Amino acid sequence: MISLFRRAVGALAAASMVAAFMRLRGSGGVPPQQGGWRELTDDDLKS
């Protein structure tokens, strides 16, 4: 029973370390500067 508890605690610790690493390492990045929405023309609506 104790070894099962130790395994669970170890798995939770490993998961939290990975999550913390991903959180600290991840940078928000820059949103795309091209593309996006454009106004539809009559030709677009006919297709």
PDB file of N, CA and C in Angstrom:
ATOM      1  N   MET A   1       0.827  -1.202   0.000  1.00  0.00           N
ATOM      2  CA  MET A   1       0.000   0.000   0.000  1.00  0.00           C
ATOM      3  C   MET A   1       0.873   1.269   0.000  1.00  0.00           C
ATOM      4  N   ILE A   2       1.964   1.235   0.757  1.00  0.00           N
ATOM      5  CA  ILE A   2       2.848   2.392   0.838  1.00  0.00           C
ATOM      6  C   ILE A   2       3.523   2.634  -0.515  1.00  0.00           C
ATOM      7  N   SER A   3       3.921   1.548  -1.203  1.00  0.00           N
ATOM      8  CA  SER A   3       4.592   1.731  -2.484  1.00  0.00           C
ATOM      9  C   SER A   3       3.633   2.332  -3.517  1.00  0.00           C
ATOM     10  N   LEU A   4       2.363   1.978  -3.448  1.00  0.00           N
ATOM     11  CA  LEU A   4       1.365   2.567  -4.346  1.00  0.00           C
ATOM     12  C   LEU A   4       1.242   4.064  -4.067  1.00  0.00           C
ATOM     13  N   PHE A   5       1.240   4.430  -2.803  1.00  0.00           N
ATOM     14  CA  PHE A   5       1.178   5.838  -2.425  1.00  0.00           C
ATOM     15  C   PHE A   5       2.410   6.591  -2.923  1.00  0.00           C
ATOM     16  N   ARG A   6       3.575   5.991  -2.772  1.00  0.00           N
ATOM     17  CA  ARG A   6       4.812   6.628  -3.248  1.00  0.00           C
ATOM     18  C   ARG A   6       4.801   6.798  -4.757  1.00  0.00           C
ATOM     19  N   ARG A   7       4.304   5.802  -5.466  1.00  0.00           N
ATOM     20  CA  ARG A   7       4.215   5.906  -6.922  1.00  0.00           C
ATOM     21  C   ARG A   7       3.276   7.036  -7.331  1.00  0.00           C
ATOM     22  N   ALA A   8       2.157   7.136  -6.656  1.00  0.00           N
ATOM     23  CA  ALA A   8       1.188   8.197  -6.974  1.00  0.00           C
ATOM     24  C   ALA A   8       1.789   9.569  -6.701  1.00  0.00           C
ATOM     25  N   VAL A   9       2.459   9.720  -5.575  1.00  0.00           N
ATOM     26  CA  VAL A   9       3.087  10.993  -5.251  1.00  0.00           C
ATOM     27  C   VAL A   9       4.190  11.313  -6.255  1.00  0.00           C
ATOM     28  N   GLY A  10       4.951  10.329  -6.641  1.00  0.00           N
ATOM     29  CA  GLY A  10       6.006  10.536  -7.634  1.00  0.00           C
ATOM     30  C   GLY A  10       5.439  10.950  -8.985  1.00  0.00           C
ATOM     31  N   ALA A  11       4.352  10.314  -9.395  1.00  0.00           N
ATOM     32  CA  ALA A  11       3.725  10.665 -10.672  1.00  0.00           C
ATOM     33  C   ALA A  11       3.166  12.084 -10.631  1.00  0.00           C
ATOM     34  N   LEU A  12       2.561  12.467  -9.528  1.00  0.00           N
ATOM     35  CA  LEU A  12       2.038  13.829  -9.396  1.00  0.00           C
ATOM     36  C   LEU A  12       3.163  14.853  -9.382  1.00  0.00           C
ATOM     37  N   ALA A  13       4.257  14.521  -8.719  1.00  0.00           N
ATOM     38  CA  ALA A  13       5.399  15.439  -8.688  1.00  0.00           C
ATOM     39  C   ALA A  13       5.993  15.604 -10.080  1.00  0.00           C
ATOM     40  N   ALA A  14       6.134  14.507 -10.804  1.00  0.00           N
ATOM     41  CA  ALA A  14       6.683  14.583 -12.153  1.00  0.00           C
ATOM     42  C   ALA A  14       5.760  15.392 -13.066  1.00  0.00           C
ATOM     43  N   ALA A  15       4.466  15.166 -12.964  1.00  0.00           N
ATOM     44  CA  ALA A  15       3.506  15.904 -13.799  1.00  0.00           C
ATOM     45  C   ALA A  15       3.530  17.386 -13.475  1.00  0.00           C
ATOM     46  N   SER A  16       3.648  17.730 -12.190  1.00  0.00           N
ATOM     47  CA  SER A  16       3.676  19.141 -11.830  1.00  0.00           C
ATOM     48  C   SER A  16       4.974  19.806 -12.288  1.00  0.00           C
ATOM     49  N   MET A  17       6.087  19.070 -12.264  1.00  0.00           N
ATOM     50  CA  MET A  17       7.341  19.645 -12.754  1.00  0.00           C
ATOM     51  C   MET A  17       7.281  19.874 -14.259  1.00  0.00           C
ATOM     52  N   VAL A  18       6.710  18.941 -14.984  1.00  0.00           N
ATOM     53  CA  VAL A  18       6.571  19.117 -16.432  1.00  0.00           C
ATOM     54  C   VAL A  18       5.661  20.304 -16.729  1.00  0.00           C
ATOM     55  N   ALA A  19       4.559  20.413 -15.997  1.00  0.00           N
ATOM     56  CA  ALA A  19       3.631  21.534 -16.207  1.00  0.00           C
ATOM     57  C   ALA A  19       4.305  22.867 -15.889  1.00  0.00           C
ATOM     58  N   ALA A  20       5.082  22.915 -14.822  1.00  0.00           N
ATOM     59  CA  ALA A  20       5.783  24.150 -14.462  1.00  0.00           C
ATOM     60  C   ALA A  20       6.815  24.506 -15.523  1.00  0.00           C
ATOM     61  N   PHE A  21       7.522  23.507 -16.039  1.00  0.00           N
ATOM     62  CA  PHE A  21       8.515  23.748 -17.088  1.00  0.00           C
ATOM     63  C   PHE A  21       7.843  24.296 -18.341  1.00  0.00           C
ATOM     64  N   MET A  22       6.730  23.703 -18.722  1.00  0.00           N
ATOM     65  CA  MET A  22       6.020  24.157 -19.919  1.00  0.00           C
ATOM     66  C   MET A  22       5.493  25.580 -19.717  1.00  0.00           C
ATOM     67  N   ARG A  23       5.032  25.861 -18.527  1.00  0.00           N
ATOM     68  CA  ARG A  23       4.488  27.189 -18.231  1.00  0.00           C
ATOM     69  C   ARG A  23       5.594  28.260 -18.279  1.00  0.00           C
ATOM     70  N   LEU A  24       6.741  27.942 -17.704  1.00  0.00           N
ATOM     71  CA  LEU A  24       7.827  28.910 -17.667  1.00  0.00           C
ATOM     72  C   LEU A  24       8.500  29.056 -19.030  1.00  0.00           C
ATOM     73  N   ARG A  25       8.593  27.975 -19.763  1.00  0.00           N
ATOM     74  CA  ARG A  25       9.298  28.000 -21.042  1.00  0.00           C
ATOM     75  C   ARG A  25       8.447  28.607 -22.139  1.00  0.00           C
ATOM     76  N   GLY A  26       7.158  28.381 -22.097  1.00  0.00           N
ATOM     77  CA  GLY A  26       6.284  28.840 -23.169  1.00  0.00           C
ATOM     78  C   GLY A  26       6.187  30.351 -23.208  1.00  0.00           C
ATOM     79  N   SER A  27       6.462  30.902 -24.371  1.00  0.00           N
ATOM     80  CA  SER A  27       6.272  32.338 -24.533  1.00  0.00           C
ATOM     81  C   SER A  27       5.030  32.522 -25.383  1.00  0.00           C
ATOM     82  N   GLY A  28       4.295  33.538 -25.111  1.00  0.00           N
ATOM     83  CA  GLY A  28       3.034  33.753 -25.801  1.00  0.00           C
ATOM     84  C   GLY A  28       3.178  33.839 -27.310  1.00  0.00           C
ATOM     85  N   GLY A  29       4.336  34.260 -27.782  1.00  0.00           N
ATOM     86  CA  GLY A  29       4.523  34.362 -29.210  1.00  0.00           C
ATOM     87  C   GLY A  29       3.854  35.604 -29.766  1.00  0.00           C
ATOM     88  N   VAL A  30       3.961  35.766 -31.041  1.00  0.00           N
ATOM     89  CA  VAL A  30       3.382  36.932 -31.703  1.00  0.00           C
ATOM     90  C   VAL A  30       2.241  36.448 -32.574  1.00  0.00           C
ATOM     91  N   PRO A  31       1.093  37.077 -32.494  1.00  0.00           N
ATOM     92  CA  PRO A  31      -0.020  36.658 -33.348  1.00  0.00           C
ATOM     93  C   PRO A  31       0.299  36.905 -34.820  1.00  0.00           C
ATOM     94  N   PRO A  32      -0.336  36.171 -35.710  1.00  0.00           N
ATOM     95  CA  PRO A  32      -0.043  36.346 -37.132  1.00  0.00           C
ATOM     96  C   PRO A  32      -0.311  37.768 -37.591  1.00  0.00           C
ATOM     97  N   GLN A  33       0.554  38.268 -38.455  1.00  0.00           N
ATOM     98  CA  GLN A  33       0.430  39.635 -38.934  1.00  0.00           C
ATOM     99  C   GLN A  33      -0.295  39.708 -40.278  1.00  0.00           C
ATOM    100  N   GLN A  34      -0.579  38.561 -40.878  1.00  0.00           N
ATOM    101  CA  GLN A  34      -1.266  38.525 -42.164  1.00  0.00           C
ATOM    102  C   GLN A  34      -2.518  37.688 -42.039  1.00  0.00           C
ATOM    103  N   GLY A  35      -3.348  37.776 -43.059  1.00  0.00           N
ATOM    104  CA  GLY A  35      -4.553  36.961 -43.068  1.00  0.00           C
ATOM    105  C   GLY A  35      -5.654  37.599 -42.244  1.00  0.00           C
ATOM    106  N   GLY A  36      -6.559  36.786 -41.800  1.00  0.00           N
ATOM    107  CA  GLY A  36      -7.655  37.287 -40.989  1.00  0.00           C
ATOM    108  C   GLY A  36      -8.912  37.477 -41.817  1.00  0.00           C
ATOM    109  N   TRP A  37      -9.775  38.342 -41.360  1.00  0.00           N
ATOM    110  CA  TRP A  37     -11.065  38.567 -42.003  1.00  0.00           C
ATOM    111  C   TRP A  37     -10.927  39.538 -43.163  1.00  0.00           C
ATOM    112  N   ARG A  38     -11.754  39.341 -44.153  1.00  0.00           N
ATOM    113  CA  ARG A  38     -11.843  40.294 -45.257  1.00  0.00           C
ATOM    114  C   ARG A  38     -13.299  40.401 -45.666  1.00  0.00           C
ATOM    115  N   GLU A  39     -13.629  41.517 -46.228  1.00  0.00           N
ATOM    116  CA  GLU A  39     -15.008  41.745 -46.631  1.00  0.00           C
ATOM    117  C   GLU A  39     -15.312  40.942 -47.896  1.00  0.00           C
ATOM    118  N   LEU A  40     -16.491  40.328 -47.920  1.00  0.00           N
ATOM    119  CA  LEU A  40     -16.891  39.526 -49.073  1.00  0.00           C
ATOM    120  C   LEU A  40     -17.392  40.422 -50.200  1.00  0.00           C
ATOM    121  N   THR A  41     -17.079  40.004 -51.403  1.00  0.00           N
ATOM    122  CA  THR A  41     -17.571  40.731 -52.580  1.00  0.00           C
ATOM    123  C   THR A  41     -18.754  39.947 -53.149  1.00  0.00           C
ATOM    124  N   ASP A  42     -19.411  40.529 -54.144  1.00  0.00           N
ATOM    125  CA  ASP A  42     -20.538  39.839 -54.780  1.00  0.00           C
ATOM    126  C   ASP A  42     -20.087  38.538 -55.426  1.00  0.00           C
ATOM    127  N   ASP A  43     -18.880  38.532 -56.017  1.00  0.00           N
ATOM    128  CA  ASP A  43     -18.371  37.320 -56.655  1.00  0.00           C
ATOM    129  C   ASP A  43     -18.172  36.197 -55.633  1.00  0.00           C
ATOM    130  N   ASP A  44     -17.755  36.531 -54.423  1.00  0.00           N
ATOM    131  CA  ASP A  44     -17.579  35.519 -53.383  1.00  0.00           C
ATOM    132  C   ASP A  44     -18.918  34.901 -53.008  1.00  0.00           C
ATOM    133  N   LEU A  45     -19.963  35.694 -53.018  1.00  0.00           N
ATOM    134  CA  LEU A  45     -21.272  35.202 -52.608  1.00  0.00           C
ATOM    135  C   LEU A  45     -21.927  34.351 -53.681  1.00  0.00           C
ATOM    136  N   LYS A  46     -21.567  34.546 -54.950  1.00  0.00           N
ATOM    137  CA  LYS A  46     -22.168  33.786 -56.043  1.00  0.00           C
ATOM    138  C   LYS A  46     -21.649  32.360 -56.125  1.00  0.00           C
ATOM    139  N   SER A  47     -20.465  32.094 -55.612  1.00  0.00           N
ATOM    140  CA  SER A  47     -19.861  30.772 -55.755  1.00  0.00           C
ATOM    141  C   SER A  47     -20.610  29.728 -54.971  1.00  0.00           C
TER     142      SER A  47
END
